[in-house]
Amino acid sequence: MTVLFKAFSALLSYPTEEMREALPEIAEVVRTSRLVAPRERDALLALIDEIGRGDQLAAEERYVDLFDRGRALSLHLFEHLHGESRDRGSAMVELKQLYGAASYELTASELPDYLPVVLEYLSLRSLAEAREMLADCAHILRSIARSLIGRESRYTAVLQALLVIAGESPVDASRVKAMKERHEALDRDWFERPAFDEPAPSSRPVP
């Protein structure tokens, strides 16, 4: 069991009052874990300080404003690979079967590809298995990390730490351009035209 992954799962989850109350314990896990290098440790502690800053509503608004505005920052891993296609459903079934084989039960509201859920599962597995699974999805973690860096978010620290634990190089922040999108642009990135949507009137052939 690797309690660090449980701490990472909490940090990437919605900042409930209960989660924020556990921040001192999470910080202690980060400080004492041998899996966290000094650079990543400092960045993770800065994130923990940020999550605990201000009142409850402010913490919730920061989280929603970051993770619920566009696909680039979605914490549902298969969404980065398959979008809303049928392939995502098949991949979800396979991942759920993997959890079941390890006697890891999801709640009714949880999707198996949600990164905090994946990390909760990995906290119950061996470090070798966790590293292998993280390495398999490293390209997705790297993509999310780049998007977080572009938005100058301290949540980058969790993704960078996961990449290092997986044996991968962290994303070079100096090579990522800052992205200051307006909410409207992020909302548009989230929108997808339905597969059988009718063409726009201007594109219809003239009778």
N, C-alpha and C. Protein backbone atom coordinates (compact mmCIF):
# COMPACT_ATOMS: atom_id res chain seq x y z
N MET A 1 0.85 -1.19 0.00
CA MET A 1 0.00 0.00 0.00
C MET A 1 0.90 1.25 0.00
N THR A 2 0.57 2.21 -0.85
CA THR A 2 1.34 3.45 -0.92
C THR A 2 0.40 4.61 -0.59
N VAL A 3 0.51 5.09 0.63
CA VAL A 3 -0.42 6.12 1.10
C VAL A 3 -0.27 7.42 0.33
N LEU A 4 0.90 7.62 -0.32
CA LEU A 4 1.11 8.85 -1.08
C LEU A 4 0.07 8.98 -2.19
N PHE A 5 -0.28 7.88 -2.84
CA PHE A 5 -1.28 7.95 -3.91
C PHE A 5 -2.65 8.33 -3.37
N LYS A 6 -2.95 7.92 -2.16
CA LYS A 6 -4.20 8.32 -1.53
C LYS A 6 -4.19 9.83 -1.26
N ALA A 7 -3.03 10.35 -0.88
CA ALA A 7 -2.90 11.80 -0.67
C ALA A 7 -3.07 12.55 -1.99
N PHE A 8 -2.48 12.04 -3.04
CA PHE A 8 -2.62 12.67 -4.36
C PHE A 8 -4.07 12.62 -4.83
N SER A 9 -4.74 11.52 -4.56
CA SER A 9 -6.15 11.40 -4.93
C SER A 9 -6.97 12.48 -4.25
N ALA A 10 -6.69 12.71 -2.98
CA ALA A 10 -7.41 13.74 -2.24
C ALA A 10 -7.13 15.13 -2.80
N LEU A 11 -5.88 15.40 -3.14
CA LEU A 11 -5.51 16.72 -3.64
C LEU A 11 -6.19 17.04 -4.97
N LEU A 12 -6.43 16.03 -5.78
CA LEU A 12 -7.07 16.26 -7.09
C LEU A 12 -8.59 16.19 -7.02
N SER A 13 -9.12 15.89 -5.86
CA SER A 13 -10.57 15.79 -5.70
C SER A 13 -11.16 17.15 -5.35
N TYR A 14 -12.48 17.24 -5.48
CA TYR A 14 -13.20 18.46 -5.12
C TYR A 14 -12.91 18.81 -3.66
N PRO A 15 -12.55 20.06 -3.38
CA PRO A 15 -12.12 20.44 -2.02
C PRO A 15 -13.27 20.60 -1.03
N THR A 16 -13.79 19.50 -0.56
CA THR A 16 -14.84 19.53 0.45
C THR A 16 -14.26 20.02 1.78
N GLU A 17 -15.13 20.32 2.72
CA GLU A 17 -14.66 20.73 4.05
C GLU A 17 -13.83 19.62 4.69
N GLU A 18 -14.29 18.39 4.53
CA GLU A 18 -13.57 17.25 5.11
C GLU A 18 -12.17 17.13 4.51
N MET A 19 -12.07 17.32 3.18
CA MET A 19 -10.78 17.22 2.53
C MET A 19 -9.83 18.32 3.02
N ARG A 20 -10.36 19.53 3.15
CA ARG A 20 -9.51 20.65 3.60
C ARG A 20 -9.07 20.46 5.05
N GLU A 21 -9.90 19.86 5.86
CA GLU A 21 -9.52 19.58 7.24
C GLU A 21 -8.38 18.56 7.31
N ALA A 22 -8.27 17.72 6.27
CA ALA A 22 -7.23 16.69 6.25
C ALA A 22 -5.91 17.20 5.65
N LEU A 23 -5.87 18.45 5.22
CA LEU A 23 -4.66 18.98 4.56
C LEU A 23 -3.39 18.87 5.40
N PRO A 24 -3.43 19.13 6.71
CA PRO A 24 -2.20 18.94 7.50
C PRO A 24 -1.67 17.51 7.45
N GLU A 25 -2.58 16.54 7.48
CA GLU A 25 -2.18 15.13 7.39
C GLU A 25 -1.62 14.82 6.00
N ILE A 26 -2.25 15.38 4.97
CA ILE A 26 -1.76 15.18 3.60
C ILE A 26 -0.36 15.79 3.45
N ALA A 27 -0.17 16.97 4.02
CA ALA A 27 1.13 17.63 3.94
C ALA A 27 2.21 16.79 4.62
N GLU A 28 1.87 16.15 5.72
CA GLU A 28 2.84 15.30 6.42
C GLU A 28 3.22 14.09 5.57
N VAL A 29 2.25 13.52 4.87
CA VAL A 29 2.54 12.40 3.96
C VAL A 29 3.51 12.85 2.87
N VAL A 30 3.27 14.01 2.30
CA VAL A 30 4.14 14.54 1.24
C VAL A 30 5.54 14.80 1.78
N ARG A 31 5.64 15.38 2.97
CA ARG A 31 6.95 15.72 3.55
C ARG A 31 7.80 14.48 3.83
N THR A 32 7.15 13.40 4.22
CA THR A 32 7.90 12.22 4.68
C THR A 32 8.06 11.13 3.62
N SER A 33 7.38 11.26 2.49
CA SER A 33 7.47 10.20 1.47
C SER A 33 8.81 10.24 0.74
N ARG A 34 9.42 9.08 0.63
CA ARG A 34 10.69 8.98 -0.10
C ARG A 34 10.48 8.97 -1.62
N LEU A 35 9.22 8.89 -2.04
CA LEU A 35 8.93 8.89 -3.47
C LEU A 35 8.89 10.30 -4.06
N VAL A 36 8.88 11.31 -3.19
CA VAL A 36 8.75 12.69 -3.65
C VAL A 36 10.11 13.38 -3.58
N ALA A 37 10.58 13.84 -4.73
CA ALA A 37 11.85 14.58 -4.79
C ALA A 37 11.67 15.98 -4.22
N PRO A 38 12.76 16.61 -3.77
CA PRO A 38 12.65 17.93 -3.12
C PRO A 38 11.90 18.97 -3.96
N ARG A 39 12.17 19.03 -5.27
CA ARG A 39 11.50 20.04 -6.10
C ARG A 39 9.99 19.81 -6.13
N GLU A 40 9.59 18.56 -6.34
CA GLU A 40 8.16 18.25 -6.36
C GLU A 40 7.53 18.44 -4.98
N ARG A 41 8.30 18.14 -3.92
CA ARG A 41 7.77 18.30 -2.56
C ARG A 41 7.41 19.76 -2.29
N ASP A 42 8.30 20.67 -2.63
CA ASP A 42 8.04 22.10 -2.40
C ASP A 42 6.80 22.56 -3.17
N ALA A 43 6.68 22.09 -4.41
CA ALA A 43 5.53 22.49 -5.23
C ALA A 43 4.23 21.90 -4.68
N LEU A 44 4.28 20.68 -4.18
CA LEU A 44 3.09 20.05 -3.61
C LEU A 44 2.66 20.77 -2.33
N LEU A 45 3.60 21.14 -1.50
CA LEU A 45 3.27 21.86 -0.27
C LEU A 45 2.68 23.23 -0.58
N ALA A 46 3.17 23.86 -1.66
CA ALA A 46 2.59 25.15 -2.08
C ALA A 46 1.15 24.96 -2.53
N LEU A 47 0.86 23.85 -3.23
CA LEU A 47 -0.51 23.55 -3.64
C LEU A 47 -1.40 23.33 -2.42
N ILE A 48 -0.90 22.59 -1.44
CA ILE A 48 -1.68 22.33 -0.23
C ILE A 48 -2.01 23.64 0.48
N ASP A 49 -1.04 24.53 0.54
CA ASP A 49 -1.30 25.85 1.15
C ASP A 49 -2.39 26.60 0.38
N GLU A 50 -2.35 26.52 -0.95
CA GLU A 50 -3.33 27.22 -1.76
C GLU A 50 -4.73 26.65 -1.55
N ILE A 51 -4.85 25.33 -1.52
CA ILE A 51 -6.16 24.72 -1.32
C ILE A 51 -6.75 25.12 0.02
N GLY A 52 -5.91 25.27 1.02
CA GLY A 52 -6.39 25.63 2.35
C GLY A 52 -6.60 27.11 2.56
N ARG A 53 -6.25 27.90 1.55
CA ARG A 53 -6.33 29.37 1.69
C ARG A 53 -7.78 29.85 1.49
N GLY A 54 -8.17 30.85 2.26
CA GLY A 54 -9.48 31.47 2.08
C GLY A 54 -10.60 30.60 2.63
N ASP A 55 -11.83 31.02 2.35
CA ASP A 55 -12.97 30.27 2.88
C ASP A 55 -13.34 29.10 1.97
N GLN A 56 -14.31 28.33 2.38
CA GLN A 56 -14.70 27.12 1.66
C GLN A 56 -15.17 27.44 0.24
N LEU A 57 -15.99 28.45 0.09
CA LEU A 57 -16.53 28.80 -1.22
C LEU A 57 -15.42 29.20 -2.18
N ALA A 58 -14.43 29.93 -1.69
CA ALA A 58 -13.32 30.34 -2.55
C ALA A 58 -12.55 29.13 -3.06
N ALA A 59 -12.31 28.15 -2.19
CA ALA A 59 -11.60 26.93 -2.59
C ALA A 59 -12.38 26.16 -3.64
N GLU A 60 -13.69 26.07 -3.46
CA GLU A 60 -14.53 25.36 -4.42
C GLU A 60 -14.54 26.07 -5.77
N GLU A 61 -14.62 27.39 -5.74
CA GLU A 61 -14.66 28.16 -6.99
C GLU A 61 -13.35 28.01 -7.76
N ARG A 62 -12.23 28.00 -7.06
CA ARG A 62 -10.94 27.82 -7.74
C ARG A 62 -10.88 26.48 -8.44
N TYR A 63 -11.38 25.45 -7.78
CA TYR A 63 -11.34 24.11 -8.35
C TYR A 63 -12.24 24.00 -9.58
N VAL A 64 -13.48 24.46 -9.44
CA VAL A 64 -14.43 24.38 -10.56
C VAL A 64 -13.94 25.22 -11.74
N ASP A 65 -13.41 26.40 -11.45
CA ASP A 65 -12.94 27.29 -12.50
C ASP A 65 -11.81 26.66 -13.30
N LEU A 66 -11.08 25.74 -12.68
CA LEU A 66 -9.95 25.10 -13.35
C LEU A 66 -10.36 23.82 -14.07
N PHE A 67 -11.00 22.91 -13.36
CA PHE A 67 -11.21 21.57 -13.90
C PHE A 67 -12.54 21.36 -14.61
N ASP A 68 -13.48 22.28 -14.48
CA ASP A 68 -14.78 22.09 -15.10
C ASP A 68 -15.02 23.03 -16.26
N ARG A 69 -13.95 23.53 -16.87
CA ARG A 69 -14.10 24.51 -17.94
C ARG A 69 -13.68 24.01 -19.32
N GLY A 70 -13.01 22.87 -19.41
CA GLY A 70 -12.57 22.43 -20.72
C GLY A 70 -12.01 21.03 -20.70
N ARG A 71 -12.01 20.37 -21.85
CA ARG A 71 -11.55 18.99 -21.94
C ARG A 71 -10.05 18.86 -21.67
N ALA A 72 -9.26 19.88 -21.98
CA ALA A 72 -7.82 19.79 -21.80
C ALA A 72 -7.43 19.50 -20.36
N LEU A 73 -8.29 19.90 -19.42
CA LEU A 73 -8.00 19.70 -18.01
C LEU A 73 -8.91 18.65 -17.37
N SER A 74 -9.62 17.90 -18.18
CA SER A 74 -10.48 16.86 -17.63
C SER A 74 -9.63 15.82 -16.89
N LEU A 75 -10.08 15.42 -15.71
CA LEU A 75 -9.39 14.39 -14.93
C LEU A 75 -9.92 13.00 -15.25
N HIS A 76 -10.79 12.89 -16.26
CA HIS A 76 -11.25 11.59 -16.75
C HIS A 76 -10.30 11.18 -17.88
N LEU A 77 -9.43 10.23 -17.60
CA LEU A 77 -8.32 9.92 -18.48
C LEU A 77 -8.74 9.50 -19.88
N PHE A 78 -9.78 8.67 -19.97
CA PHE A 78 -10.17 8.16 -21.28
C PHE A 78 -10.80 9.24 -22.16
N GLU A 79 -11.23 10.32 -21.55
CA GLU A 79 -11.80 11.40 -22.34
C GLU A 79 -10.73 12.03 -23.24
N HIS A 80 -9.48 11.98 -22.79
CA HIS A 80 -8.37 12.51 -23.58
C HIS A 80 -8.05 11.59 -24.76
N LEU A 81 -8.38 10.31 -24.63
CA LEU A 81 -8.11 9.34 -25.69
C LEU A 81 -9.29 9.15 -26.63
N HIS A 82 -10.48 9.03 -26.06
CA HIS A 82 -11.64 8.61 -26.84
C HIS A 82 -12.76 9.64 -26.92
N GLY A 83 -12.65 10.74 -26.19
CA GLY A 83 -13.76 11.68 -26.16
C GLY A 83 -15.00 10.98 -25.62
N GLU A 84 -16.11 11.13 -26.32
CA GLU A 84 -17.35 10.47 -25.90
C GLU A 84 -17.71 9.31 -26.83
N SER A 85 -16.71 8.76 -27.52
CA SER A 85 -16.97 7.68 -28.45
C SER A 85 -17.25 6.36 -27.72
N ARG A 86 -17.68 5.37 -28.49
CA ARG A 86 -17.98 4.07 -27.91
C ARG A 86 -16.72 3.41 -27.36
N ASP A 87 -15.55 3.74 -27.92
CA ASP A 87 -14.31 3.15 -27.45
C ASP A 87 -14.07 3.48 -25.98
N ARG A 88 -14.51 4.67 -25.56
CA ARG A 88 -14.34 5.03 -24.16
C ARG A 88 -15.15 4.09 -23.27
N GLY A 89 -16.37 3.75 -23.69
CA GLY A 89 -17.19 2.85 -22.90
C GLY A 89 -16.54 1.49 -22.73
N SER A 90 -15.95 0.97 -23.81
CA SER A 90 -15.28 -0.34 -23.74
C SER A 90 -14.08 -0.28 -22.80
N ALA A 91 -13.31 0.81 -22.90
CA ALA A 91 -12.15 0.96 -22.03
C ALA A 91 -12.56 1.07 -20.57
N MET A 92 -13.70 1.73 -20.32
CA MET A 92 -14.20 1.87 -18.95
C MET A 92 -14.58 0.50 -18.38
N VAL A 93 -15.21 -0.32 -19.21
CA VAL A 93 -15.61 -1.65 -18.76
C VAL A 93 -14.38 -2.47 -18.38
N GLU A 94 -13.33 -2.40 -19.21
CA GLU A 94 -12.10 -3.14 -18.93
C GLU A 94 -11.46 -2.67 -17.63
N LEU A 95 -11.44 -1.35 -17.42
CA LEU A 95 -10.83 -0.83 -16.20
C LEU A 95 -11.64 -1.22 -14.97
N LYS A 96 -12.96 -1.20 -15.11
CA LYS A 96 -13.82 -1.61 -13.99
C LYS A 96 -13.61 -3.09 -13.67
N GLN A 97 -13.37 -3.90 -14.68
CA GLN A 97 -13.11 -5.32 -14.45
C GLN A 97 -11.77 -5.50 -13.72
N LEU A 98 -10.79 -4.66 -14.05
CA LEU A 98 -9.51 -4.70 -13.35
C LEU A 98 -9.70 -4.40 -11.88
N TYR A 99 -10.50 -3.37 -11.60
CA TYR A 99 -10.79 -3.03 -10.20
C TYR A 99 -11.49 -4.19 -9.50
N GLY A 100 -12.46 -4.78 -10.19
CA GLY A 100 -13.21 -5.87 -9.58
C GLY A 100 -12.34 -7.07 -9.24
N ALA A 101 -11.39 -7.36 -10.12
CA ALA A 101 -10.49 -8.49 -9.88
C ALA A 101 -9.63 -8.26 -8.65
N ALA A 102 -9.41 -6.99 -8.31
CA ALA A 102 -8.62 -6.64 -7.13
C ALA A 102 -9.51 -6.33 -5.93
N SER A 103 -10.82 -6.62 -6.06
CA SER A 103 -11.80 -6.37 -4.99
C SER A 103 -11.88 -4.90 -4.61
N TYR A 104 -11.67 -4.03 -5.60
CA TYR A 104 -11.81 -2.59 -5.36
C TYR A 104 -13.16 -2.16 -5.91
N GLU A 105 -14.03 -1.69 -5.03
CA GLU A 105 -15.40 -1.36 -5.41
C GLU A 105 -15.57 0.15 -5.61
N LEU A 106 -16.21 0.52 -6.71
CA LEU A 106 -16.53 1.91 -6.97
C LEU A 106 -17.86 2.27 -6.34
N THR A 107 -18.04 3.54 -5.99
CA THR A 107 -19.36 3.98 -5.56
C THR A 107 -20.22 4.19 -6.80
N ALA A 108 -21.49 4.36 -6.61
CA ALA A 108 -22.42 4.49 -7.74
C ALA A 108 -22.12 5.71 -8.60
N SER A 109 -21.55 6.76 -7.99
CA SER A 109 -21.33 8.00 -8.72
C SER A 109 -19.93 8.10 -9.34
N GLU A 110 -19.07 7.12 -9.11
CA GLU A 110 -17.69 7.21 -9.58
C GLU A 110 -17.53 6.56 -10.95
N LEU A 111 -16.74 7.20 -11.82
CA LEU A 111 -16.36 6.61 -13.09
C LEU A 111 -14.94 6.06 -12.95
N PRO A 112 -14.67 4.90 -13.52
CA PRO A 112 -13.38 4.24 -13.28
C PRO A 112 -12.17 4.98 -13.83
N ASP A 113 -12.35 5.86 -14.85
CA ASP A 113 -11.20 6.54 -15.43
C ASP A 113 -10.91 7.89 -14.79
N TYR A 114 -11.64 8.24 -13.73
CA TYR A 114 -11.41 9.51 -13.03
C TYR A 114 -10.10 9.40 -12.26
N LEU A 115 -9.17 10.29 -12.50
CA LEU A 115 -7.82 10.16 -11.97
C LEU A 115 -7.78 9.98 -10.45
N PRO A 116 -8.54 10.74 -9.65
CA PRO A 116 -8.54 10.46 -8.22
C PRO A 116 -8.95 9.04 -7.86
N VAL A 117 -9.88 8.45 -8.64
CA VAL A 117 -10.28 7.06 -8.42
C VAL A 117 -9.13 6.12 -8.76
N VAL A 118 -8.47 6.37 -9.89
CA VAL A 118 -7.31 5.56 -10.29
C VAL A 118 -6.24 5.59 -9.20
N LEU A 119 -5.98 6.76 -8.66
CA LEU A 119 -4.95 6.90 -7.62
C LEU A 119 -5.37 6.22 -6.33
N GLU A 120 -6.66 6.28 -6.00
CA GLU A 120 -7.16 5.57 -4.82
C GLU A 120 -6.93 4.07 -4.99
N TYR A 121 -7.19 3.56 -6.18
CA TYR A 121 -6.95 2.14 -6.46
C TYR A 121 -5.46 1.81 -6.34
N LEU A 122 -4.61 2.67 -6.90
CA LEU A 122 -3.17 2.41 -6.86
C LEU A 122 -2.61 2.46 -5.44
N SER A 123 -3.28 3.20 -4.55
CA SER A 123 -2.82 3.25 -3.16
C SER A 123 -2.93 1.90 -2.47
N LEU A 124 -3.74 1.01 -3.06
CA LEU A 124 -3.95 -0.33 -2.49
C LEU A 124 -3.10 -1.40 -3.18
N ARG A 125 -2.36 -1.00 -4.20
CA ARG A 125 -1.57 -1.96 -4.97
C ARG A 125 -0.08 -1.80 -4.65
N SER A 126 0.73 -2.68 -5.17
CA SER A 126 2.17 -2.58 -4.94
C SER A 126 2.74 -1.38 -5.70
N LEU A 127 3.88 -0.90 -5.25
CA LEU A 127 4.51 0.24 -5.91
C LEU A 127 4.88 -0.11 -7.35
N ALA A 128 5.34 -1.33 -7.57
CA ALA A 128 5.71 -1.75 -8.92
C ALA A 128 4.52 -1.70 -9.86
N GLU A 129 3.37 -2.19 -9.40
CA GLU A 129 2.15 -2.17 -10.22
C GLU A 129 1.70 -0.74 -10.46
N ALA A 130 1.79 0.08 -9.43
CA ALA A 130 1.39 1.49 -9.57
C ALA A 130 2.27 2.19 -10.60
N ARG A 131 3.56 1.97 -10.54
CA ARG A 131 4.47 2.61 -11.49
C ARG A 131 4.18 2.16 -12.92
N GLU A 132 3.87 0.89 -13.08
CA GLU A 132 3.57 0.36 -14.42
C GLU A 132 2.30 1.00 -14.98
N MET A 133 1.28 1.13 -14.16
CA MET A 133 0.02 1.71 -14.63
C MET A 133 0.19 3.20 -14.93
N LEU A 134 0.94 3.90 -14.10
CA LEU A 134 1.19 5.32 -14.34
C LEU A 134 2.01 5.52 -15.62
N ALA A 135 2.97 4.63 -15.86
CA ALA A 135 3.77 4.72 -17.08
C ALA A 135 2.91 4.50 -18.32
N ASP A 136 1.92 3.60 -18.20
CA ASP A 136 1.02 3.32 -19.33
C ASP A 136 0.21 4.55 -19.73
N CYS A 137 -0.13 5.38 -18.75
CA CYS A 137 -0.94 6.56 -19.05
C CYS A 137 -0.12 7.86 -18.95
N ALA A 138 1.19 7.73 -19.01
CA ALA A 138 2.07 8.90 -18.85
C ALA A 138 1.80 9.97 -19.89
N HIS A 139 1.46 9.57 -21.12
CA HIS A 139 1.22 10.57 -22.16
C HIS A 139 -0.01 11.41 -21.83
N ILE A 140 -1.00 10.83 -21.16
CA ILE A 140 -2.17 11.59 -20.74
C ILE A 140 -1.81 12.50 -19.57
N LEU A 141 -1.07 11.97 -18.61
CA LEU A 141 -0.64 12.78 -17.47
C LEU A 141 0.19 13.97 -17.96
N ARG A 142 1.02 13.72 -18.94
CA ARG A 142 1.87 14.79 -19.49
C ARG A 142 1.01 15.87 -20.16
N SER A 143 -0.02 15.44 -20.88
CA SER A 143 -0.91 16.39 -21.55
C SER A 143 -1.64 17.28 -20.54
N ILE A 144 -2.14 16.66 -19.47
CA ILE A 144 -2.83 17.43 -18.43
C ILE A 144 -1.85 18.37 -17.74
N ALA A 145 -0.64 17.88 -17.50
CA ALA A 145 0.38 18.72 -16.86
C ALA A 145 0.68 19.95 -17.69
N ARG A 146 0.81 19.77 -19.02
CA ARG A 146 1.08 20.92 -19.89
C ARG A 146 -0.05 21.95 -19.79
N SER A 147 -1.28 21.46 -19.79
CA SER A 147 -2.42 22.38 -19.71
C SER A 147 -2.43 23.12 -18.38
N LEU A 148 -2.06 22.43 -17.31
CA LEU A 148 -2.01 23.08 -16.00
C LEU A 148 -0.87 24.11 -15.94
N ILE A 149 0.27 23.76 -16.52
CA ILE A 149 1.38 24.70 -16.57
C ILE A 149 0.99 25.94 -17.36
N GLY A 150 0.32 25.73 -18.49
CA GLY A 150 -0.12 26.84 -19.31
C GLY A 150 -1.05 27.79 -18.58
N ARG A 151 -1.77 27.25 -17.61
CA ARG A 151 -2.69 28.08 -16.81
C ARG A 151 -2.07 28.50 -15.48
N GLU A 152 -0.77 28.22 -15.34
CA GLU A 152 0.00 28.62 -14.15
C GLU A 152 -0.67 28.11 -12.87
N SER A 153 -1.11 26.86 -12.92
CA SER A 153 -1.81 26.25 -11.78
C SER A 153 -0.85 25.44 -10.92
N ARG A 154 -1.01 25.59 -9.60
CA ARG A 154 -0.19 24.80 -8.68
C ARG A 154 -0.55 23.31 -8.70
N TYR A 155 -1.72 22.97 -9.25
CA TYR A 155 -2.08 21.56 -9.37
C TYR A 155 -1.10 20.80 -10.27
N THR A 156 -0.32 21.53 -11.04
CA THR A 156 0.72 20.91 -11.86
C THR A 156 1.59 19.98 -11.02
N ALA A 157 1.81 20.35 -9.78
CA ALA A 157 2.73 19.60 -8.91
C ALA A 157 2.35 18.13 -8.80
N VAL A 158 1.06 17.83 -8.72
CA VAL A 158 0.63 16.44 -8.58
C VAL A 158 0.97 15.65 -9.84
N LEU A 159 0.69 16.22 -11.00
CA LEU A 159 0.96 15.52 -12.26
C LEU A 159 2.45 15.32 -12.46
N GLN A 160 3.25 16.34 -12.13
CA GLN A 160 4.71 16.23 -12.28
C GLN A 160 5.25 15.15 -11.35
N ALA A 161 4.75 15.10 -10.12
CA ALA A 161 5.21 14.09 -9.17
C ALA A 161 4.85 12.68 -9.66
N LEU A 162 3.66 12.52 -10.24
CA LEU A 162 3.25 11.22 -10.76
C LEU A 162 4.14 10.78 -11.91
N LEU A 163 4.50 11.72 -12.77
CA LEU A 163 5.39 11.39 -13.88
C LEU A 163 6.76 10.92 -13.37
N VAL A 164 7.28 11.58 -12.38
CA VAL A 164 8.59 11.20 -11.82
C VAL A 164 8.51 9.81 -11.19
N ILE A 165 7.45 9.55 -10.44
CA ILE A 165 7.28 8.24 -9.82
C ILE A 165 7.17 7.15 -10.88
N ALA A 166 6.56 7.48 -12.01
CA ALA A 166 6.42 6.51 -13.11
C ALA A 166 7.72 6.28 -13.86
N GLY A 167 8.77 7.02 -13.50
CA GLY A 167 10.05 6.88 -14.19
C GLY A 167 10.15 7.74 -15.43
N GLU A 168 9.24 8.71 -15.57
CA GLU A 168 9.22 9.61 -16.71
C GLU A 168 9.80 10.97 -16.32
N SER A 169 10.26 11.70 -17.33
CA SER A 169 10.74 13.05 -17.08
C SER A 169 9.55 13.99 -16.89
N PRO A 170 9.62 14.91 -15.93
CA PRO A 170 8.53 15.87 -15.77
C PRO A 170 8.49 16.81 -16.96
N VAL A 171 7.37 17.47 -17.16
CA VAL A 171 7.23 18.43 -18.26
C VAL A 171 8.11 19.64 -17.98
N ASP A 172 8.83 20.08 -19.01
CA ASP A 172 9.67 21.27 -18.90
C ASP A 172 8.78 22.51 -18.99
N ALA A 173 8.55 23.14 -17.85
CA ALA A 173 7.63 24.28 -17.80
C ALA A 173 8.10 25.44 -18.65
N SER A 174 9.41 25.56 -18.87
CA SER A 174 9.94 26.68 -19.64
C SER A 174 9.57 26.60 -21.12
N ARG A 175 9.10 25.43 -21.56
CA ARG A 175 8.76 25.24 -22.96
C ARG A 175 7.25 25.26 -23.20
N VAL A 176 6.49 25.60 -22.17
CA VAL A 176 5.03 25.66 -22.28
C VAL A 176 4.60 27.12 -22.23
N LYS A 177 3.84 27.53 -23.23
CA LYS A 177 3.37 28.91 -23.28
C LYS A 177 2.20 29.11 -22.32
N ALA A 178 2.18 30.28 -21.72
CA ALA A 178 1.06 30.61 -20.83
C ALA A 178 -0.22 30.73 -21.63
N MET A 179 -1.32 30.24 -21.06
CA MET A 179 -2.62 30.27 -21.74
C MET A 179 -3.59 31.00 -20.84
N LYS A 180 -4.11 32.10 -21.31
CA LYS A 180 -5.03 32.92 -20.52
C LYS A 180 -6.39 32.98 -21.20
N GLU A 181 -6.97 31.79 -21.49
CA GLU A 181 -8.26 31.78 -22.18
C GLU A 181 -9.36 32.39 -21.35
N ARG A 182 -10.29 32.97 -22.03
CA ARG A 182 -11.52 33.39 -21.38
C ARG A 182 -12.41 32.18 -21.16
N HIS A 183 -13.33 32.29 -20.23
CA HIS A 183 -14.22 31.17 -19.94
C HIS A 183 -15.01 30.74 -21.17
N GLU A 184 -15.38 31.71 -22.02
CA GLU A 184 -16.17 31.36 -23.20
C GLU A 184 -15.40 30.41 -24.10
N ALA A 185 -14.09 30.65 -24.24
CA ALA A 185 -13.28 29.80 -25.11
C ALA A 185 -13.16 28.41 -24.51
N LEU A 186 -13.02 28.32 -23.19
CA LEU A 186 -12.91 27.03 -22.56
C LEU A 186 -14.21 26.25 -22.66
N ASP A 187 -15.32 26.96 -22.50
CA ASP A 187 -16.61 26.30 -22.66
C ASP A 187 -16.80 25.78 -24.08
N ARG A 188 -16.32 26.53 -25.06
CA ARG A 188 -16.44 26.10 -26.44
C ARG A 188 -15.59 24.86 -26.70
N ASP A 189 -14.43 24.77 -26.06
CA ASP A 189 -13.57 23.60 -26.20
C ASP A 189 -14.26 22.36 -25.64
N TRP A 190 -15.11 22.54 -24.61
CA TRP A 190 -15.81 21.44 -23.98
C TRP A 190 -16.95 20.92 -24.84
N PHE A 191 -17.53 21.81 -25.67
CA PHE A 191 -18.70 21.45 -26.46
C PHE A 191 -18.30 20.57 -27.63
N GLU A 192 -19.12 19.57 -27.92
CA GLU A 192 -18.92 18.72 -29.10
C GLU A 192 -20.22 18.66 -29.89
N ARG A 193 -20.12 18.76 -31.20
CA ARG A 193 -21.30 18.60 -32.05
C ARG A 193 -21.75 17.15 -32.00
N PRO A 194 -23.05 16.89 -31.81
CA PRO A 194 -23.53 15.51 -31.81
C PRO A 194 -23.18 14.80 -33.11
N ALA A 195 -22.98 13.48 -33.02
CA ALA A 195 -22.52 12.72 -34.17
C ALA A 195 -23.48 12.82 -35.35
N PHE A 196 -24.78 12.96 -35.09
CA PHE A 196 -25.76 12.99 -36.17
C PHE A 196 -26.43 14.35 -36.29
N ASP A 197 -25.70 15.39 -35.89
CA ASP A 197 -26.23 16.74 -35.97
C ASP A 197 -26.46 17.12 -37.42
N GLU A 198 -27.51 17.89 -37.68
CA GLU A 198 -27.78 18.31 -39.04
C GLU A 198 -26.80 19.39 -39.45
N PRO A 199 -26.45 19.49 -40.74
CA PRO A 199 -25.55 20.54 -41.20
C PRO A 199 -26.20 21.89 -41.03
N ALA A 200 -25.36 22.90 -40.92
CA ALA A 200 -25.87 24.26 -40.81
C ALA A 200 -26.64 24.63 -42.06
N PRO A 201 -27.67 25.49 -41.94
CA PRO A 201 -28.50 25.84 -43.10
C PRO A 201 -27.69 26.31 -44.31
N SER A 202 -26.59 27.03 -44.06
CA SER A 202 -25.80 27.57 -45.18
C SER A 202 -25.09 26.50 -45.94
N SER A 203 -24.91 25.29 -45.33
CA SER A 203 -24.20 24.22 -46.00
C SER A 203 -25.12 23.25 -46.72
N ARG A 204 -26.44 23.45 -46.61
CA ARG A 204 -27.37 22.55 -47.27
C ARG A 204 -27.42 22.84 -48.77
N PRO A 205 -27.53 21.82 -49.58
CA PRO A 205 -27.61 22.05 -51.03
C PRO A 205 -28.91 22.77 -51.40
N VAL A 206 -28.82 23.61 -52.35
CA VAL A 206 -30.01 24.34 -52.84
C VAL A 206 -30.85 23.40 -53.68
N PRO A 207 -32.16 23.31 -53.40
CA PRO A 207 -33.03 22.37 -54.17
C PRO A 207 -33.02 22.71 -55.65
